[in-house]
C-alpha atoms as a PDB file:
ATOM      1  CA  MET A   1     -25.001 -17.994  34.858  1.00  0.00           C
ATOM      2  CA  LYS A   2     -21.733 -19.906  34.627  1.00  0.00           C
ATOM      3  CA  LYS A   3     -22.364 -20.549  30.932  1.00  0.00           C
ATOM      4  CA  LEU A   4     -23.050 -16.844  30.328  1.00  0.00           C
ATOM      5  CA  MET A   5     -19.773 -15.882  32.057  1.00  0.00           C
ATOM      6  CA  THR A   6     -17.843 -18.391  29.928  1.00  0.00           C
ATOM      7  CA  ILE A   7     -19.352 -16.998  26.733  1.00  0.00           C
ATOM      8  CA  ALA A   8     -18.580 -13.437  27.836  1.00  0.00           C
ATOM      9  CA  ALA A   9     -14.967 -14.396  28.618  1.00  0.00           C
ATOM     10  CA  LEU A  10     -14.568 -16.067  25.209  1.00  0.00           C
ATOM     11  CA  PHE A  11     -16.012 -13.011  23.482  1.00  0.00           C
ATOM     12  CA  ALA A  12     -13.688 -10.659  25.385  1.00  0.00           C
ATOM     13  CA  THR A  13     -10.645 -12.796  24.531  1.00  0.00           C
ATOM     14  CA  THR A  14     -11.587 -12.933  20.846  1.00  0.00           C
ATOM     15  CA  ALA A  15     -12.200  -9.195  20.748  1.00  0.00           C
ATOM     16  CA  SER A  16      -8.823  -8.463  22.366  1.00  0.00           C
ATOM     17  CA  PHE A  17      -6.981 -10.585  19.782  1.00  0.00           C
ATOM     18  CA  ALA A  18      -8.881  -8.935  16.935  1.00  0.00           C
ATOM     19  CA  ALA A  19      -7.918  -5.539  18.308  1.00  0.00           C
ATOM     20  CA  CYS A  20      -4.239  -6.494  18.067  1.00  0.00           C
ATOM     21  CA  ASP A  21      -4.452  -6.826  14.275  1.00  0.00           C
ATOM     22  CA  ARG A  22      -3.677  -3.514  12.626  1.00  0.00           C
ATOM     23  CA  GLU A  23      -1.835  -1.852   9.774  1.00  0.00           C
ATOM     24  CA  ASP A  24      -0.009   1.455   9.953  1.00  0.00           C
ATOM     25  CA  VAL A  25       1.732   3.476   7.276  1.00  0.00           C
ATOM     26  CA  ILE A  26       5.171   4.355   8.637  1.00  0.00           C
ATOM     27  CA  SER A  27       8.248   6.162   7.348  1.00  0.00           C
ATOM     28  CA  GLU A  28      11.098   4.258   5.744  1.00  0.00           C
ATOM     29  CA  SER A  29      13.362   5.331   8.616  1.00  0.00           C
ATOM     30  CA  ARG A  30      11.248   3.206  11.010  1.00  0.00           C
ATOM     31  CA  LEU A  31      12.127  -0.014   9.180  1.00  0.00           C
ATOM     32  CA  PRO A  32      14.646  -2.301  10.891  1.00  0.00           C
ATOM     33  CA  ASN A  33      18.271  -1.640   9.834  1.00  0.00           C
ATOM     34  CA  GLU A  34      18.491  -4.984   8.009  1.00  0.00           C
ATOM     35  CA  SER A  35      15.491  -4.050   5.849  1.00  0.00           C
ATOM     36  CA  ARG A  36      16.871  -0.628   4.960  1.00  0.00           C
ATOM     37  CA  THR A  37      20.233  -2.177   4.037  1.00  0.00           C
ATOM     38  CA  PHE A  38      18.495  -4.749   1.805  1.00  0.00           C
ATOM     39  CA  LEU A  39      16.582  -1.999  -0.008  1.00  0.00           C
ATOM     40  CA  ARG A  40      19.722   0.141  -0.529  1.00  0.00           C
ATOM     41  CA  THR A  41      21.728  -2.855  -1.755  1.00  0.00           C
ATOM     42  CA  HIS A  42      19.207  -4.377  -4.157  1.00  0.00           C
ATOM     43  CA  PHE A  43      16.849  -1.503  -5.022  1.00  0.00           C
ATOM     44  CA  GLY A  44      18.999   1.580  -4.463  1.00  0.00           C
ATOM     45  CA  ASP A  45      17.916   3.137  -7.757  1.00  0.00           C
ATOM     46  CA  SER A  46      14.207   3.096  -6.822  1.00  0.00           C
ATOM     47  CA  SER A  47      12.593   5.236  -4.163  1.00  0.00           C
ATOM     48  CA  VAL A  48      10.149   4.015  -1.549  1.00  0.00           C
ATOM     49  CA  ILE A  49       6.530   5.015  -2.148  1.00  0.00           C
ATOM     50  CA  SER A  50       5.146   3.670   1.115  1.00  0.00           C
ATOM     51  CA  VAL A  51       5.859   1.333   4.019  1.00  0.00           C
ATOM     52  CA  VAL A  52       3.064  -0.560   5.748  1.00  0.00           C
ATOM     53  CA  ARG A  53       3.673  -2.163   9.134  1.00  0.00           C
ATOM     54  CA  GLU A  54       1.245  -4.949   9.967  1.00  0.00           C
ATOM     55  CA  ILE A  55       0.877  -6.126  13.531  1.00  0.00           C
ATOM     56  CA  ASP A  56      -0.951  -9.436  13.768  1.00  0.00           C
ATOM     57  CA  GLY A  57      -1.137 -10.677  17.332  1.00  0.00           C
ATOM     58  CA  PHE A  58       2.481 -10.929  18.425  1.00  0.00           C
ATOM     59  CA  GLU A  59       3.979 -10.830  14.909  1.00  0.00           C
ATOM     60  CA  LYS A  60       5.094  -7.741  13.047  1.00  0.00           C
ATOM     61  CA  ASP A  61       5.715  -7.576   9.277  1.00  0.00           C
ATOM     62  CA  TYR A  62       6.538  -4.815   6.834  1.00  0.00           C
ATOM     63  CA  SER A  63       5.477  -4.324   3.204  1.00  0.00           C
ATOM     64  CA  VAL A  64       7.516  -1.832   1.207  1.00  0.00           C
ATOM     65  CA  TYR A  65       6.184  -0.487  -2.095  1.00  0.00           C
ATOM     66  CA  LEU A  66       8.780   0.872  -4.496  1.00  0.00           C
ATOM     67  CA  GLN A  67       8.506   3.373  -7.327  1.00  0.00           C
ATOM     68  CA  ASN A  68       9.663   0.764  -9.875  1.00  0.00           C
ATOM     69  CA  GLY A  69       6.622  -1.429  -9.109  1.00  0.00           C
ATOM     70  CA  PHE A  70       8.313  -3.932  -6.796  1.00  0.00           C
ATOM     71  CA  GLU A  71       6.932  -4.913  -3.417  1.00  0.00           C
ATOM     72  CA  VAL A  72       9.326  -6.243  -0.788  1.00  0.00           C
ATOM     73  CA  ASN A  73       8.054  -7.873   2.400  1.00  0.00           C
ATOM     74  CA  PHE A  74      10.111  -8.159   5.560  1.00  0.00           C
ATOM     75  CA  ARG A  75       9.700 -10.042   8.810  1.00  0.00           C
ATOM     76  CA  GLY A  76       9.617  -8.117  12.061  1.00  0.00           C
ATOM     77  CA  SER A  77      13.320  -8.870  12.532  1.00  0.00           C
ATOM     78  CA  GLY A  78      14.094  -7.069   9.277  1.00  0.00           C
ATOM     79  CA  ALA A  79      14.926 -10.178   7.229  1.00  0.00           C
ATOM     80  CA  TRP A  80      13.451 -10.208   3.725  1.00  0.00           C
ATOM     81  CA  ASP A  81      10.536 -12.559   3.230  1.00  0.00           C
ATOM     82  CA  GLU A  82       9.259 -11.907  -0.286  1.00  0.00           C
ATOM     83  CA  VAL A  83      10.275  -9.969  -3.384  1.00  0.00           C
ATOM     84  CA  GLU A  84       7.341  -9.438  -5.757  1.00  0.00           C
ATOM     85  CA  GLY A  85       8.151  -8.006  -9.168  1.00  0.00           C
ATOM     86  CA  HIS A  86       4.601  -7.947 -10.527  1.00  0.00           C
ATOM     87  CA  ARG A  87       5.793  -9.562 -13.785  1.00  0.00           C
ATOM     88  CA  GLN A  88       9.178  -7.788 -13.718  1.00  0.00           C
ATOM     89  CA  ALA A  89      12.327  -9.857 -13.350  1.00  0.00           C
ATOM     90  CA  VAL A  90      13.723  -9.920  -9.820  1.00  0.00           C
ATOM     91  CA  PRO A  91      17.138  -8.171  -9.757  1.00  0.00           C
ATOM     92  CA  ALA A  92      20.189 -10.394 -10.258  1.00  0.00           C
ATOM     93  CA  SER A  93      21.590  -9.240  -6.916  1.00  0.00           C
ATOM     94  CA  VAL A  94      18.548 -10.715  -5.141  1.00  0.00           C
ATOM     95  CA  LEU A  95      18.770 -13.921  -7.183  1.00  0.00           C
ATOM     96  CA  GLY A  96      22.344 -14.188  -5.937  1.00  0.00           C
ATOM     97  CA  LEU A  97      20.969 -14.712  -2.412  1.00  0.00           C
ATOM     98  CA  LEU A  98      19.245 -17.948  -3.485  1.00  0.00           C
ATOM     99  CA  PRO A  99      20.827 -21.393  -3.399  1.00  0.00           C
ATOM    100  CA  ALA A 100      22.578 -21.969  -6.757  1.00  0.00           C
ATOM    101  CA  GLY A 101      20.309 -24.880  -7.687  1.00  0.00           C
ATOM    102  CA  ILE A 102      17.264 -22.652  -8.072  1.00  0.00           C
ATOM    103  CA  GLU A 103      18.610 -20.319 -10.747  1.00  0.00           C
ATOM    104  CA  SER A 104      20.223 -23.152 -12.695  1.00  0.00           C
ATOM    105  CA  TYR A 105      17.021 -25.261 -12.575  1.00  0.00           C
ATOM    106  CA  VAL A 106      14.926 -22.382 -13.903  1.00  0.00           C
ATOM    107  CA  ALA A 107      17.463 -21.490 -16.631  1.00  0.00           C
ATOM    108  CA  GLU A 108      17.746 -25.115 -17.765  1.00  0.00           C
ATOM    109  CA  ASN A 109      14.052 -26.031 -17.677  1.00  0.00           C
ATOM    110  CA  TYR A 110      12.432 -22.687 -18.501  1.00  0.00           C
ATOM    111  CA  PRO A 111      14.874 -20.744 -20.667  1.00  0.00           C
ATOM    112  CA  GLY A 112      13.867 -17.146 -21.275  1.00  0.00           C
ATOM    113  CA  ARG A 113      11.351 -17.078 -18.424  1.00  0.00           C
ATOM    114  CA  PRO A 114      12.355 -14.623 -15.702  1.00  0.00           C
ATOM    115  CA  ILE A 115      11.933 -15.169 -11.967  1.00  0.00           C
ATOM    116  CA  VAL A 116       9.314 -12.562 -11.031  1.00  0.00           C
ATOM    117  CA  ASN A 117       8.597 -13.495  -7.409  1.00  0.00           C
ATOM    118  CA  ILE A 118      10.562 -15.098  -4.571  1.00  0.00           C
ATOM    119  CA  ASN A 119       8.833 -16.092  -1.368  1.00  0.00           C
ATOM    120  CA  ARG A 120      10.877 -17.502   1.515  1.00  0.00           C
ATOM    121  CA  GLU A 121       9.021 -20.203   3.400  1.00  0.00           C
ATOM    122  CA  ARG A 122       9.976 -22.303   6.444  1.00  0.00           C
ATOM    123  CA  TRP A 123      10.565 -25.276   4.157  1.00  0.00           C
ATOM    124  CA  GLY A 124      12.454 -23.430   1.397  1.00  0.00           C
ATOM    125  CA  TYR A 125      11.499 -21.131  -1.457  1.00  0.00           C
ATOM    126  CA  GLU A 126       8.444 -20.566  -3.605  1.00  0.00           C
ATOM    127  CA  ILE A 127       9.516 -19.149  -6.955  1.00  0.00           C
ATOM    128  CA  GLU A 128       7.244 -17.679  -9.593  1.00  0.00           C
ATOM    129  CA  ILE A 129       8.496 -17.507 -13.148  1.00  0.00           C
ATOM    130  CA  GLY A 130       6.941 -15.148 -15.631  1.00  0.00           C
ATOM    131  CA  PRO A 131       5.358 -16.028 -18.935  1.00  0.00           C
ATOM    132  CA  ILE A 132       7.017 -15.893 -22.312  1.00  0.00           C
ATOM    133  CA  GLU A 133       5.281 -15.312 -25.601  1.00  0.00           C
ATOM    134  CA  GLY A 134       2.992 -18.221 -26.378  1.00  0.00           C
ATOM    135  CA  SER A 135       2.923 -19.560 -22.803  1.00  0.00           C
ATOM    136  CA  ARG A 136      -0.168 -19.823 -20.644  1.00  0.00           C
ATOM    137  CA  GLY A 137       1.020 -17.594 -17.803  1.00  0.00           C
ATOM    138  CA  ASP A 138       3.072 -17.596 -14.656  1.00  0.00           C
ATOM    139  CA  LEU A 139       4.262 -20.813 -13.049  1.00  0.00           C
ATOM    140  CA  GLU A 140       5.076 -21.417  -9.378  1.00  0.00           C
ATOM    141  CA  LEU A 141       7.840 -23.807  -8.395  1.00  0.00           C
ATOM    142  CA  ASP A 142       8.803 -24.963  -4.898  1.00  0.00           C
ATOM    143  CA  PHE A 143      12.397 -25.603  -3.835  1.00  0.00           C
ATOM    144  CA  THR A 144      13.944 -26.866  -0.619  1.00  0.00           C
ATOM    145  CA  GLU A 145      16.274 -24.692   1.459  1.00  0.00           C
ATOM    146  CA  ALA A 146      19.160 -26.386  -0.364  1.00  0.00           C
ATOM    147  CA  GLY A 147      17.748 -25.368  -3.763  1.00  0.00           C
ATOM    148  CA  GLN A 148      16.343 -28.738  -4.872  1.00  0.00           C
ATOM    149  CA  PHE A 149      13.131 -28.596  -6.918  1.00  0.00           C
ATOM    150  CA  PHE A 150      10.365 -30.683  -5.354  1.00  0.00           C
ATOM    151  CA  ARG A 151       6.980 -29.628  -6.787  1.00  0.00           C
ATOM    152  CA  TYR A 152       4.842 -27.355  -8.884  1.00  0.00           C
ATOM    153  CA  ASP A 153       2.551 -25.120  -6.892  1.00  0.00           C
ATOM    154  CA  ASP A 154      -0.907 -24.152  -8.087  1.00  0.00           C
END
């Protein structure tokens, strides 16, 4: 009986955590102020198609899909987390938010290849550079918070 109660309690706990995971489509006005300011500053010429709020346990994230094909992800606080260009170059104004070493490393080592994705991680930045004619495809590079290259990412 004790074993059955333990299994039932574990099942109930697991089910309650699974129930916390959900996605909702929300209006742009429900984004945190910091997120709305980021969008106006860096993507003001493109309208928002949709905003998806994801609640995963105790964390909340937002994915914003823009008319120009970009996807911008924000943390629950409103801070940007990822800018995905889907093979389009990330705007220069967003690149200006990166440590200087990242842009100069990419320009020096991969001339003509645009940065098409920026993902902020706890340890630094994951950067994806797009292909150029004759290349094999996109390439992911990892940089520290200070902008120092430290590895290729598969």
